C-alpha atoms as a PDB file:
ATOM      1  CA  UNK A   1     263.227 -43.613  93.957  1.00  0.00           C
ATOM      2  CA  UNK A   2     259.812 -45.304  94.559  1.00  0.00           C
ATOM      3  CA  UNK A   3     260.599 -44.307  98.115  1.00  0.00           C
ATOM      4  CA  UNK A   4     261.801 -40.627  97.350  1.00  0.00           C
ATOM      5  CA  UNK A   5     258.879 -40.683  95.421  1.00  0.00           C
ATOM      6  CA  UNK A   6     256.132 -42.234  97.513  1.00  0.00           C
ATOM      7  CA  UNK A   7     257.303 -41.079 101.436  1.00  0.00           C
ATOM      8  CA  UNK A   8     258.218 -37.723 102.648  1.00  0.00           C
ATOM      9  CA  UNK A   9     260.349 -37.297 106.619  1.00  0.00           C
ATOM     10  CA  UNK A  10     262.626 -35.916 108.305  1.00  0.00           C
ATOM     11  CA  UNK A  11     266.393 -36.927 110.065  1.00  0.00           C
ATOM     12  CA  UNK A  12     268.170 -34.909 112.218  1.00  0.00           C
ATOM     13  CA  UNK A  13     271.109 -35.699 113.821  1.00  0.00           C
ATOM     14  CA  UNK A  14     273.303 -34.298 116.433  1.00  0.00           C
ATOM     15  CA  UNK A  15     276.430 -34.997 118.549  1.00  0.00           C
ATOM     16  CA  UNK A  16     278.096 -33.598 120.857  1.00  0.00           C
ATOM     17  CA  UNK A  17     281.536 -34.061 122.507  1.00  0.00           C
ATOM     18  CA  UNK A  18     284.632 -33.573 124.651  1.00  0.00           C
ATOM     19  CA  UNK A  19     287.957 -34.963 125.353  1.00  0.00           C
ATOM     20  CA  UNK A  20     290.235 -33.203 127.462  1.00  0.00           C
ATOM     21  CA  UNK A  21     293.484 -34.146 127.940  1.00  0.00           C
ATOM     22  CA  UNK A  22     296.175 -32.779 131.078  1.00  0.00           C
ATOM     23  CA  UNK A  23     300.414 -33.510 130.562  1.00  0.00           C
ATOM     24  CA  UNK A  24     302.309 -32.860 134.086  1.00  0.00           C
ATOM     25  CA  UNK A  25     305.743 -33.977 134.385  1.00  0.00           C
ATOM     26  CA  UNK A  26     306.927 -33.711 137.751  1.00  0.00           C
ATOM     27  CA  UNK A  27     309.876 -34.708 139.485  1.00  0.00           C
ATOM     28  CA  UNK A  28     312.631 -35.681 136.321  1.00  0.00           C
ATOM     29  CA  UNK A  29     311.583 -38.623 135.407  1.00  0.00           C
ATOM     30  CA  UNK A  30     308.656 -38.928 135.732  1.00  0.00           C
ATOM     31  CA  UNK A  31     304.884 -37.727 133.655  1.00  0.00           C
ATOM     32  CA  UNK A  32     301.411 -38.250 134.457  1.00  0.00           C
ATOM     33  CA  UNK A  33     298.821 -37.918 131.622  1.00  0.00           C
ATOM     34  CA  UNK A  34     295.099 -38.344 132.017  1.00  0.00           C
ATOM     35  CA  UNK A  35     292.040 -38.244 128.908  1.00  0.00           C
ATOM     36  CA  UNK A  36     288.653 -38.501 129.039  1.00  0.00           C
ATOM     37  CA  UNK A  37     286.053 -38.635 126.210  1.00  0.00           C
ATOM     38  CA  UNK A  38     282.455 -38.209 126.383  1.00  0.00           C
ATOM     39  CA  UNK A  39     280.341 -38.553 123.723  1.00  0.00           C
ATOM     40  CA  UNK A  40     276.565 -38.232 123.315  1.00  0.00           C
ATOM     41  CA  UNK A  41     274.668 -38.312 120.055  1.00  0.00           C
ATOM     42  CA  UNK A  42     271.458 -38.851 118.991  1.00  0.00           C
ATOM     43  CA  UNK A  43     269.712 -39.337 115.680  1.00  0.00           C
ATOM     44  CA  UNK A  44     265.732 -38.780 114.978  1.00  0.00           C
ATOM     45  CA  UNK A  45     263.758 -40.043 111.637  1.00  0.00           C
ATOM     46  CA  UNK A  46     260.496 -39.787 111.477  1.00  0.00           C
ATOM     47  CA  UNK A  47     258.281 -40.479 107.957  1.00  0.00           C
ATOM     48  CA  UNK A  48     255.476 -40.715 106.386  1.00  0.00           C
ATOM     49  CA  UNK A  49     253.367 -41.708 103.442  1.00  0.00           C
ATOM     50  CA  UNK A  50     253.269 -38.782 101.369  1.00  0.00           C
ATOM     51  CA  UNK A  51     251.437 -39.307  97.976  1.00  0.00           C
ATOM     52  CA  UNK A  52     248.872 -37.331  98.340  1.00  0.00           C
ATOM     53  CA  UNK A  53     250.970 -34.661  97.704  1.00  0.00           C
ATOM     54  CA  UNK A  54     250.804 -32.529  94.570  1.00  0.00           C
ATOM     55  CA  UNK A  55     253.822 -33.112  92.911  1.00  0.00           C
ATOM     56  CA  UNK A  56     255.827 -30.964  90.082  1.00  0.00           C
ATOM     57  CA  UNK A  57     256.591 -33.586  87.365  1.00  0.00           C
ATOM     58  CA  UNK A  58     259.178 -31.794  84.770  1.00  0.00           C
ATOM     59  CA  UNK A  59     259.478 -33.171  82.118  1.00  0.00           C
ATOM     60  CA  UNK A  60     255.992 -32.078  81.570  1.00  0.00           C
ATOM     61  CA  UNK A  61     255.653 -28.715  83.843  1.00  0.00           C
ATOM     62  CA  UNK A  62     252.674 -29.989  84.981  1.00  0.00           C
ATOM     63  CA  UNK A  63     251.700 -30.487  88.801  1.00  0.00           C
ATOM     64  CA  UNK A  64     249.430 -33.659  89.648  1.00  0.00           C
ATOM     65  CA  UNK A  65     247.583 -34.441  92.819  1.00  0.00           C
ATOM     66  CA  UNK A  66     246.107 -38.061  93.754  1.00  0.00           C
ATOM     67  CA  UNK A  67     243.247 -36.687  96.824  1.00  0.00           C
ATOM     68  CA  UNK A  68     243.299 -39.884  98.882  1.00  0.00           C
ATOM     69  CA  UNK A  69     240.824 -42.177  99.704  1.00  0.00           C
ATOM     70  CA  UNK A  70     239.300 -42.823 102.389  1.00  0.00           C
ATOM     71  CA  UNK A  71     240.673 -46.686 102.613  1.00  0.00           C
ATOM     72  CA  UNK A  72     244.510 -45.148 101.291  1.00  0.00           C
ATOM     73  CA  UNK A  73     244.223 -42.815 104.650  1.00  0.00           C
ATOM     74  CA  UNK A  74     243.804 -45.373 107.306  1.00  0.00           C
ATOM     75  CA  UNK A  75     246.363 -48.184 105.568  1.00  0.00           C
ATOM     76  CA  UNK A  76     248.760 -44.592 105.762  1.00  0.00           C
ATOM     77  CA  UNK A  77     251.373 -44.589 108.071  1.00  0.00           C
ATOM     78  CA  UNK A  78     253.678 -42.751 110.193  1.00  0.00           C
ATOM     79  CA  UNK A  79     256.545 -43.873 111.128  1.00  0.00           C
ATOM     80  CA  UNK A  80     259.314 -42.613 113.993  1.00  0.00           C
ATOM     81  CA  UNK A  81     262.786 -43.207 114.758  1.00  0.00           C
ATOM     82  CA  UNK A  82     264.898 -43.053 117.863  1.00  0.00           C
ATOM     83  CA  UNK A  83     268.300 -43.821 118.604  1.00  0.00           C
ATOM     84  CA  UNK A  84     269.861 -41.909 121.719  1.00  0.00           C
ATOM     85  CA  UNK A  85     273.935 -42.859 122.520  1.00  0.00           C
ATOM     86  CA  UNK A  86     275.725 -41.266 125.384  1.00  0.00           C
ATOM     87  CA  UNK A  87     280.020 -42.514 126.391  1.00  0.00           C
ATOM     88  CA  UNK A  88     282.288 -41.449 127.895  1.00  0.00           C
ATOM     89  CA  UNK A  89     286.466 -43.244 128.440  1.00  0.00           C
ATOM     90  CA  UNK A  90     289.213 -42.253 131.218  1.00  0.00           C
ATOM     91  CA  UNK A  91     292.524 -43.200 130.770  1.00  0.00           C
ATOM     92  CA  UNK A  92     295.185 -42.468 133.365  1.00  0.00           C
ATOM     93  CA  UNK A  93     298.657 -43.185 132.312  1.00  0.00           C
ATOM     94  CA  UNK A  94     301.682 -42.656 134.671  1.00  0.00           C
ATOM     95  CA  UNK A  95     305.334 -42.562 133.086  1.00  0.00           C
ATOM     96  CA  UNK A  96     308.760 -42.595 134.135  1.00  0.00           C
ATOM     97  CA  UNK A  97     312.131 -43.142 132.373  1.00  0.00           C
ATOM     98  CA  UNK A  98     315.797 -42.611 133.516  1.00  0.00           C
ATOM     99  CA  UNK A  99     319.738 -43.710 132.233  1.00  0.00           C
ATOM    100  CA  UNK A 100     322.064 -44.685 134.650  1.00  0.00           C
ATOM    101  CA  UNK A 101     325.663 -44.962 133.865  1.00  0.00           C
ATOM    102  CA  UNK A 102     325.627 -43.760 130.696  1.00  0.00           C
ATOM    103  CA  UNK A 103     324.446 -47.461 129.397  1.00  0.00           C
ATOM    104  CA  UNK A 104     321.321 -48.326 131.546  1.00  0.00           C
ATOM    105  CA  UNK A 105     317.915 -47.226 130.713  1.00  0.00           C
ATOM    106  CA  UNK A 106     315.528 -48.050 132.259  1.00  0.00           C
ATOM    107  CA  UNK A 107     311.346 -47.296 131.934  1.00  0.00           C
ATOM    108  CA  UNK A 108     308.072 -48.328 133.578  1.00  0.00           C
ATOM    109  CA  UNK A 109     304.406 -47.553 132.716  1.00  0.00           C
ATOM    110  CA  UNK A 110     301.127 -48.757 134.462  1.00  0.00           C
ATOM    111  CA  UNK A 111     297.990 -46.851 133.616  1.00  0.00           C
ATOM    112  CA  UNK A 112     294.015 -47.569 134.114  1.00  0.00           C
ATOM    113  CA  UNK A 113     291.290 -46.936 131.655  1.00  0.00           C
ATOM    114  CA  UNK A 114     287.348 -47.252 132.052  1.00  0.00           C
ATOM    115  CA  UNK A 115     284.820 -47.123 128.834  1.00  0.00           C
ATOM    116  CA  UNK A 116     281.148 -47.018 129.690  1.00  0.00           C
ATOM    117  CA  UNK A 117     278.222 -46.819 126.789  1.00  0.00           C
ATOM    118  CA  UNK A 118     275.311 -46.984 126.607  1.00  0.00           C
ATOM    119  CA  UNK A 119     271.785 -47.000 123.864  1.00  0.00           C
ATOM    120  CA  UNK A 120     268.209 -46.847 124.274  1.00  0.00           C
ATOM    121  CA  UNK A 121     266.375 -47.124 120.837  1.00  0.00           C
ATOM    122  CA  UNK A 122     262.341 -46.219 120.165  1.00  0.00           C
ATOM    123  CA  UNK A 123     260.638 -47.435 117.046  1.00  0.00           C
ATOM    124  CA  UNK A 124     256.682 -46.900 116.249  1.00  0.00           C
ATOM    125  CA  UNK A 125     254.598 -47.038 113.792  1.00  0.00           C
ATOM    126  CA  UNK A 126     250.813 -45.873 113.627  1.00  0.00           C
ATOM    127  CA  UNK A 127     248.261 -45.690 111.207  1.00  0.00           C
ATOM    128  CA  UNK A 128     244.938 -44.294 109.440  1.00  0.00           C
ATOM    129  CA  UNK A 129     245.156 -41.024 108.929  1.00  0.00           C
ATOM    130  CA  UNK A 130     242.537 -38.157 109.223  1.00  0.00           C
ATOM    131  CA  UNK A 131     243.445 -35.757 107.163  1.00  0.00           C
ATOM    132  CA  UNK A 132     247.673 -35.693 104.762  1.00  0.00           C
ATOM    133  CA  UNK A 133     248.464 -33.596 106.555  1.00  0.00           C
ATOM    134  CA  UNK A 134     248.069 -34.531 110.560  1.00  0.00           C
ATOM    135  CA  UNK A 135     251.012 -36.648 110.484  1.00  0.00           C
ATOM    136  CA  UNK A 136     251.043 -36.147 114.395  1.00  0.00           C
ATOM    137  CA  UNK A 137     250.323 -39.338 116.572  1.00  0.00           C
ATOM    138  CA  UNK A 138     247.531 -37.897 118.555  1.00  0.00           C
ATOM    139  CA  UNK A 139     245.983 -37.470 114.554  1.00  0.00           C
ATOM    140  CA  UNK A 140     245.886 -41.028 113.929  1.00  0.00           C
ATOM    141  CA  UNK A 141     244.217 -43.825 114.493  1.00  0.00           C
ATOM    142  CA  UNK A 142     245.131 -47.263 115.022  1.00  0.00           C
ATOM    143  CA  UNK A 143     248.184 -48.518 116.573  1.00  0.00           C
ATOM    144  CA  UNK A 144     250.238 -50.602 114.062  1.00  0.00           C
ATOM    145  CA  UNK A 145     253.676 -51.664 116.368  1.00  0.00           C
ATOM    146  CA  UNK A 146     255.977 -50.074 119.157  1.00  0.00           C
ATOM    147  CA  UNK A 147     259.060 -51.433 119.809  1.00  0.00           C
ATOM    148  CA  UNK A 148     262.258 -50.060 121.997  1.00  0.00           C
ATOM    149  CA  UNK A 149     265.299 -51.113 123.969  1.00  0.00           C
ATOM    150  CA  UNK A 150     268.391 -50.424 125.960  1.00  0.00           C
ATOM    151  CA  UNK A 151     271.576 -51.508 125.850  1.00  0.00           C
ATOM    152  CA  UNK A 152     274.231 -51.082 128.331  1.00  0.00           C
ATOM    153  CA  UNK A 153     278.154 -52.161 128.242  1.00  0.00           C
ATOM    154  CA  UNK A 154     281.440 -51.136 130.704  1.00  0.00           C
ATOM    155  CA  UNK A 155     285.144 -52.274 130.494  1.00  0.00           C
ATOM    156  CA  UNK A 156     288.101 -51.960 133.255  1.00  0.00           C
ATOM    157  CA  UNK A 157     291.845 -51.850 132.766  1.00  0.00           C
ATOM    158  CA  UNK A 158     294.789 -51.969 134.480  1.00  0.00           C
ATOM    159  CA  UNK A 159     297.779 -52.298 132.203  1.00  0.00           C
ATOM    160  CA  UNK A 160     301.541 -51.851 132.604  1.00  0.00           C
ATOM    161  CA  UNK A 161     305.060 -51.700 131.066  1.00  0.00           C
ATOM    162  CA  UNK A 162     308.864 -52.318 131.639  1.00  0.00           C
ATOM    163  CA  UNK A 163     311.340 -51.286 129.719  1.00  0.00           C
ATOM    164  CA  UNK A 164     315.484 -51.836 129.688  1.00  0.00           C
ATOM    165  CA  UNK A 165     317.914 -51.515 127.678  1.00  0.00           C
ATOM    166  CA  UNK A 166     321.368 -52.060 128.517  1.00  0.00           C
ATOM    167  CA  UNK A 167     324.266 -50.100 126.016  1.00  0.00           C
ATOM    168  CA  UNK A 168     321.266 -49.780 123.131  1.00  0.00           C
ATOM    169  CA  UNK A 169     322.167 -53.781 122.506  1.00  0.00           C
ATOM    170  CA  UNK A 170     320.359 -55.429 124.602  1.00  0.00           C
ATOM    171  CA  UNK A 171     316.440 -54.988 125.401  1.00  0.00           C
ATOM    172  CA  UNK A 172     314.052 -56.248 127.064  1.00  0.00           C
ATOM    173  CA  UNK A 173     310.056 -55.532 127.114  1.00  0.00           C
ATOM    174  CA  UNK A 174     307.586 -56.491 129.832  1.00  0.00           C
ATOM    175  CA  UNK A 175     303.971 -56.093 129.860  1.00  0.00           C
ATOM    176  CA  UNK A 176     300.310 -56.833 131.194  1.00  0.00           C
ATOM    177  CA  UNK A 177     296.668 -55.798 131.313  1.00  0.00           C
ATOM    178  CA  UNK A 178     294.194 -57.346 133.308  1.00  0.00           C
ATOM    179  CA  UNK A 179     290.905 -56.405 131.627  1.00  0.00           C
ATOM    180  CA  UNK A 180     287.417 -56.478 132.804  1.00  0.00           C
ATOM    181  CA  UNK A 181     284.284 -56.509 130.544  1.00  0.00           C
ATOM    182  CA  UNK A 182     280.375 -56.539 131.559  1.00  0.00           C
ATOM    183  CA  UNK A 183     280.164 -58.700 128.523  1.00  0.00           C
ATOM    184  CA  UNK A 184     281.289 -61.881 130.534  1.00  0.00           C
ATOM    185  CA  UNK A 185     278.695 -62.760 133.776  1.00  0.00           C
ATOM    186  CA  UNK A 186     280.442 -61.989 137.137  1.00  0.00           C
ATOM    187  CA  UNK A 187     282.369 -65.439 137.676  1.00  0.00           C
ATOM    188  CA  UNK A 188     284.592 -64.671 134.019  1.00  0.00           C
ATOM    189  CA  UNK A 189     284.900 -60.660 133.963  1.00  0.00           C
ATOM    190  CA  UNK A 190     288.223 -60.352 134.121  1.00  0.00           C
ATOM    191  CA  UNK A 191     291.342 -61.712 132.182  1.00  0.00           C
ATOM    192  CA  UNK A 192     295.248 -61.321 132.384  1.00  0.00           C
ATOM    193  CA  UNK A 193     296.896 -60.917 129.113  1.00  0.00           C
ATOM    194  CA  UNK A 194     300.985 -60.863 129.945  1.00  0.00           C
ATOM    195  CA  UNK A 195     303.615 -60.518 127.061  1.00  0.00           C
ATOM    196  CA  UNK A 196     307.315 -60.286 127.313  1.00  0.00           C
ATOM    197  CA  UNK A 197     310.397 -59.839 124.336  1.00  0.00           C
ATOM    198  CA  UNK A 198     313.683 -59.397 123.869  1.00  0.00           C
ATOM    199  CA  UNK A 199     315.554 -58.184 121.171  1.00  0.00           C
ATOM    200  CA  UNK A 200     319.247 -58.142 120.036  1.00  0.00           C
ATOM    201  CA  UNK A 201     321.170 -55.438 118.020  1.00  0.00           C
ATOM    202  CA  UNK A 202     324.084 -57.261 116.965  1.00  0.00           C
ATOM    203  CA  UNK A 203     325.340 -54.561 114.795  1.00  0.00           C
ATOM    204  CA  UNK A 204     326.161 -52.050 117.736  1.00  0.00           C
ATOM    205  CA  UNK A 205     328.449 -55.207 118.197  1.00  0.00           C
ATOM    206  CA  UNK A 206     333.099 -54.307 117.889  1.00  0.00           C
ATOM    207  CA  UNK A 207     332.511 -57.080 116.168  1.00  0.00           C
ATOM    208  CA  UNK A 208     329.787 -57.152 113.462  1.00  0.00           C
ATOM    209  CA  UNK A 209     331.038 -53.242 113.329  1.00  0.00           C
ATOM    210  CA  UNK A 210     334.172 -53.833 112.110  1.00  0.00           C
ATOM    211  CA  UNK A 211     333.275 -56.461 109.358  1.00  0.00           C
ATOM    212  CA  UNK A 212     331.152 -52.777 108.167  1.00  0.00           C
ATOM    213  CA  UNK A 213     328.343 -55.410 106.347  1.00  0.00           C
ATOM    214  CA  UNK A 214     325.576 -54.045 108.141  1.00  0.00           C
ATOM    215  CA  UNK A 215     323.815 -50.764 109.153  1.00  0.00           C
ATOM    216  CA  UNK A 216     321.319 -52.574 111.399  1.00  0.00           C
ATOM    217  CA  UNK A 217     321.210 -56.103 112.471  1.00  0.00           C
ATOM    218  CA  UNK A 218     318.808 -57.437 115.019  1.00  0.00           C
ATOM    219  CA  UNK A 219     317.213 -60.613 116.325  1.00  0.00           C
ATOM    220  CA  UNK A 220     314.016 -60.343 118.444  1.00  0.00           C
ATOM    221  CA  UNK A 221     311.573 -62.819 119.720  1.00  0.00           C
ATOM    222  CA  UNK A 222     308.550 -62.182 121.665  1.00  0.00           C
ATOM    223  CA  UNK A 223     305.846 -64.325 123.567  1.00  0.00           C
ATOM    224  CA  UNK A 224     302.478 -63.162 124.730  1.00  0.00           C
ATOM    225  CA  UNK A 225     298.709 -63.276 124.599  1.00  0.00           C
ATOM    226  CA  UNK A 226     295.739 -61.125 124.172  1.00  0.00           C
ATOM    227  CA  UNK A 227     291.932 -61.340 125.063  1.00  0.00           C
ATOM    228  CA  UNK A 228     288.451 -60.685 123.070  1.00  0.00           C
ATOM    229  CA  UNK A 229     286.060 -59.853 124.266  1.00  0.00           C
ATOM    230  CA  UNK A 230     284.209 -59.140 121.079  1.00  0.00           C
ATOM    231  CA  UNK A 231     280.157 -60.635 121.547  1.00  0.00           C
ATOM    232  CA  UNK A 232     276.583 -58.796 121.907  1.00  0.00           C
ATOM    233  CA  UNK A 233     275.601 -57.700 125.429  1.00  0.00           C
ATOM    234  CA  UNK A 234     274.149 -60.112 127.275  1.00  0.00           C
ATOM    235  CA  UNK A 235     275.180 -62.818 125.366  1.00  0.00           C
ATOM    236  CA  UNK A 236     275.259 -64.847 128.915  1.00  0.00           C
ATOM    237  CA  UNK A 237     271.714 -64.418 129.324  1.00  0.00           C
ATOM    238  CA  UNK A 238     268.591 -66.231 127.556  1.00  0.00           C
ATOM    239  CA  UNK A 239     266.731 -64.256 125.544  1.00  0.00           C
ATOM    240  CA  UNK A 240     263.020 -63.183 125.929  1.00  0.00           C
ATOM    241  CA  UNK A 241     261.234 -61.747 124.189  1.00  0.00           C
ATOM    242  CA  UNK A 242     257.190 -59.970 124.644  1.00  0.00           C
ATOM    243  CA  UNK A 243     255.939 -61.455 121.896  1.00  0.00           C
ATOM    244  CA  UNK A 244     256.030 -64.540 122.443  1.00  0.00           C
ATOM    245  CA  UNK A 245     253.789 -66.001 124.669  1.00  0.00           C
ATOM    246  CA  UNK A 246     252.562 -69.213 126.143  1.00  0.00           C
ATOM    247  CA  UNK A 247     249.853 -69.991 127.607  1.00  0.00           C
ATOM    248  CA  UNK A 248     249.146 -72.913 130.353  1.00  0.00           C
ATOM    249  CA  UNK A 249     246.585 -73.373 132.866  1.00  0.00           C
ATOM    250  CA  UNK A 250     247.097 -72.296 136.338  1.00  0.00           C
ATOM    251  CA  UNK A 251     244.921 -73.395 138.720  1.00  0.00           C
ATOM    252  CA  UNK A 252     241.137 -73.035 137.337  1.00  0.00           C
ATOM    253  CA  UNK A 253     242.454 -69.902 134.467  1.00  0.00           C
ATOM    254  CA  UNK A 254     244.440 -69.425 131.647  1.00  0.00           C
ATOM    255  CA  UNK A 255     248.277 -67.697 131.915  1.00  0.00           C
ATOM    256  CA  UNK A 256     249.613 -65.821 129.545  1.00  0.00           C
ATOM    257  CA  UNK A 257     253.669 -66.394 129.810  1.00  0.00           C
ATOM    258  CA  UNK A 258     256.729 -66.100 127.781  1.00  0.00           C
ATOM    259  CA  UNK A 259     259.755 -68.416 126.991  1.00  0.00           C
ATOM    260  CA  UNK A 260     263.596 -67.482 126.388  1.00  0.00           C
ATOM    261  CA  UNK A 261     264.133 -67.088 123.116  1.00  0.00           C
ATOM    262  CA  UNK A 262     267.877 -67.688 123.255  1.00  0.00           C
ATOM    263  CA  UNK A 263     270.262 -69.060 125.249  1.00  0.00           C
ATOM    264  CA  UNK A 264     272.577 -67.381 127.723  1.00  0.00           C
ATOM    265  CA  UNK A 265     275.837 -68.949 128.804  1.00  0.00           C
ATOM    266  CA  UNK A 266     276.476 -68.203 132.635  1.00  0.00           C
ATOM    267  CA  UNK A 267     280.231 -69.621 131.530  1.00  0.00           C
ATOM    268  CA  UNK A 268     281.358 -67.037 128.807  1.00  0.00           C
ATOM    269  CA  UNK A 269     284.799 -65.960 129.518  1.00  0.00           C
ATOM    270  CA  UNK A 270     287.892 -64.297 127.175  1.00  0.00           C
ATOM    271  CA  UNK A 271     288.520 -65.773 123.480  1.00  0.00           C
ATOM    272  CA  UNK A 272     292.881 -65.576 124.561  1.00  0.00           C
ATOM    273  CA  UNK A 273     295.101 -66.035 121.686  1.00  0.00           C
ATOM    274  CA  UNK A 274     298.710 -66.660 122.424  1.00  0.00           C
ATOM    275  CA  UNK A 275     300.984 -65.532 120.194  1.00  0.00           C
ATOM    276  CA  UNK A 276     304.504 -66.587 119.418  1.00  0.00           C
ATOM    277  CA  UNK A 277     307.738 -64.914 116.849  1.00  0.00           C
ATOM    278  CA  UNK A 278     311.151 -64.174 115.874  1.00  0.00           C
ATOM    279  CA  UNK A 279     312.460 -62.067 113.791  1.00  0.00           C
ATOM    280  CA  UNK A 280     314.953 -60.309 112.413  1.00  0.00           C
ATOM    281  CA  UNK A 281     316.102 -56.450 111.062  1.00  0.00           C
ATOM    282  CA  UNK A 282     318.698 -56.241 108.533  1.00  0.00           C
ATOM    283  CA  UNK A 283     319.883 -52.964 106.183  1.00  0.00           C
ATOM    284  CA  UNK A 284     322.998 -52.128 104.518  1.00  0.00           C
ATOM    285  CA  UNK A 285     324.628 -50.019 101.844  1.00  0.00           C
ATOM    286  CA  UNK A 286     323.490 -47.070 104.346  1.00  0.00           C
ATOM    287  CA  UNK A 287     319.633 -48.237 104.739  1.00  0.00           C
ATOM    288  CA  UNK A 288     319.530 -48.433 101.482  1.00  0.00           C
ATOM    289  CA  UNK A 289     318.332 -51.818 100.782  1.00  0.00           C
ATOM    290  CA  UNK A 290     316.868 -52.542 104.389  1.00  0.00           C
ATOM    291  CA  UNK A 291     313.282 -55.270 104.724  1.00  0.00           C
ATOM    292  CA  UNK A 292     312.673 -57.458 107.918  1.00  0.00           C
ATOM    293  CA  UNK A 293     312.018 -61.227 108.027  1.00  0.00           C
ATOM    294  CA  UNK A 294     309.315 -62.790 110.370  1.00  0.00           C
ATOM    295  CA  UNK A 295     308.156 -66.671 111.630  1.00  0.00           C
ATOM    296  CA  UNK A 296     305.282 -66.335 114.480  1.00  0.00           C
ATOM    297  CA  UNK A 297     302.371 -68.741 115.632  1.00  0.00           C
ATOM    298  CA  UNK A 298     299.764 -67.652 116.846  1.00  0.00           C
ATOM    299  CA  UNK A 299     297.287 -70.313 119.157  1.00  0.00           C
ATOM    300  CA  UNK A 300     293.695 -69.302 119.890  1.00  0.00           C
ATOM    301  CA  UNK A 301     291.756 -71.302 122.757  1.00  0.00           C
ATOM    302  CA  UNK A 302     288.448 -70.725 124.272  1.00  0.00           C
ATOM    303  CA  UNK A 303     287.239 -69.372 120.723  1.00  0.00           C
ATOM    304  CA  UNK A 304     284.034 -67.907 121.350  1.00  0.00           C
ATOM    305  CA  UNK A 305     281.408 -69.814 118.324  1.00  0.00           C
ATOM    306  CA  UNK A 306     278.054 -69.754 117.735  1.00  0.00           C
ATOM    307  CA  UNK A 307     278.030 -73.811 118.668  1.00  0.00           C
ATOM    308  CA  UNK A 308     275.080 -75.710 117.004  1.00  0.00           C
ATOM    309  CA  UNK A 309     272.158 -76.957 118.915  1.00  0.00           C
ATOM    310  CA  UNK A 310     270.428 -80.192 117.761  1.00  0.00           C
ATOM    311  CA  UNK A 311     267.314 -80.240 115.248  1.00  0.00           C
ATOM    312  CA  UNK A 312     265.298 -81.943 118.605  1.00  0.00           C
ATOM    313  CA  UNK A 313     267.048 -78.554 120.431  1.00  0.00           C
ATOM    314  CA  UNK A 314     264.299 -75.477 121.119  1.00  0.00           C
ATOM    315  CA  UNK A 315     267.636 -73.534 120.499  1.00  0.00           C
ATOM    316  CA  UNK A 316     269.576 -73.317 116.986  1.00  0.00           C
ATOM    317  CA  UNK A 317     272.565 -72.293 118.535  1.00  0.00           C
ATOM    318  CA  UNK A 318     274.714 -71.301 121.930  1.00  0.00           C
ATOM    319  CA  UNK A 319     277.469 -69.410 121.669  1.00  0.00           C
ATOM    320  CA  UNK A 320     280.221 -70.935 124.052  1.00  0.00           C
ATOM    321  CA  UNK A 321     283.753 -70.835 124.425  1.00  0.00           C
ATOM    322  CA  UNK A 322     285.248 -73.680 122.200  1.00  0.00           C
END
């Protein structure tokens, strides 16, 4: 409430996006889909001191005014913050599906996806108002701070899947993903993540139908790996802050330099989780009673973790795979 009462400003958000989609069926058993998404977002905020504007007291019905002193105007600030983001994603998938001999179902899918994201942030503050009604930066007398940064990310993926089913009883599936992320150094940018699964619908077997016990009984097993690249951009590089200055003698004079504020790690790579799953699905009494039971094991290697460093180090931690 204090800031609402003592500050004023404006906030404007603008968003523009398009999402075209196309699907083409051809050669009876094939179809191709393409999806493109573009997003442009702008967030613009201006904030400034408004202690010196007339105010209505709704309890007493009176207007109060506090004219600014020269000392107060000298410390009054105007803030301007801008955030610009844009991104796009392109996704193309080719599908195939066909049945042979009445009992053999075969399907396959292959695709490609690419994603790009950019961000630019500008944060400016000046103080020293000449007049409370003038809030342009040119009307301010003293720079307070100026900061900003740009970031960008990119991912690229190839993926595929093959399915086979015999007589709706024996089910098999194989998947593969080959993912690349700009979050990692070039040598470790790509990772391959396969998976396999199989199922047996016992309820479709003749010996089980003769028992007239289960409407659905299916055993299934799967193995697969997934990758995680959930870290901030540029973690493989040492970060340098322009404010973190050092001074050292160079030749006959003193030179200003910068030292990294964080350590980079070019050896960072994908965090990989491997999963083993065994399960059963069941249903009986006209599927009035149904359920499933699963047993699974997940094992993660190359865990992305902020590893603490000794107190003797200049840095507190470094991101590593453990």
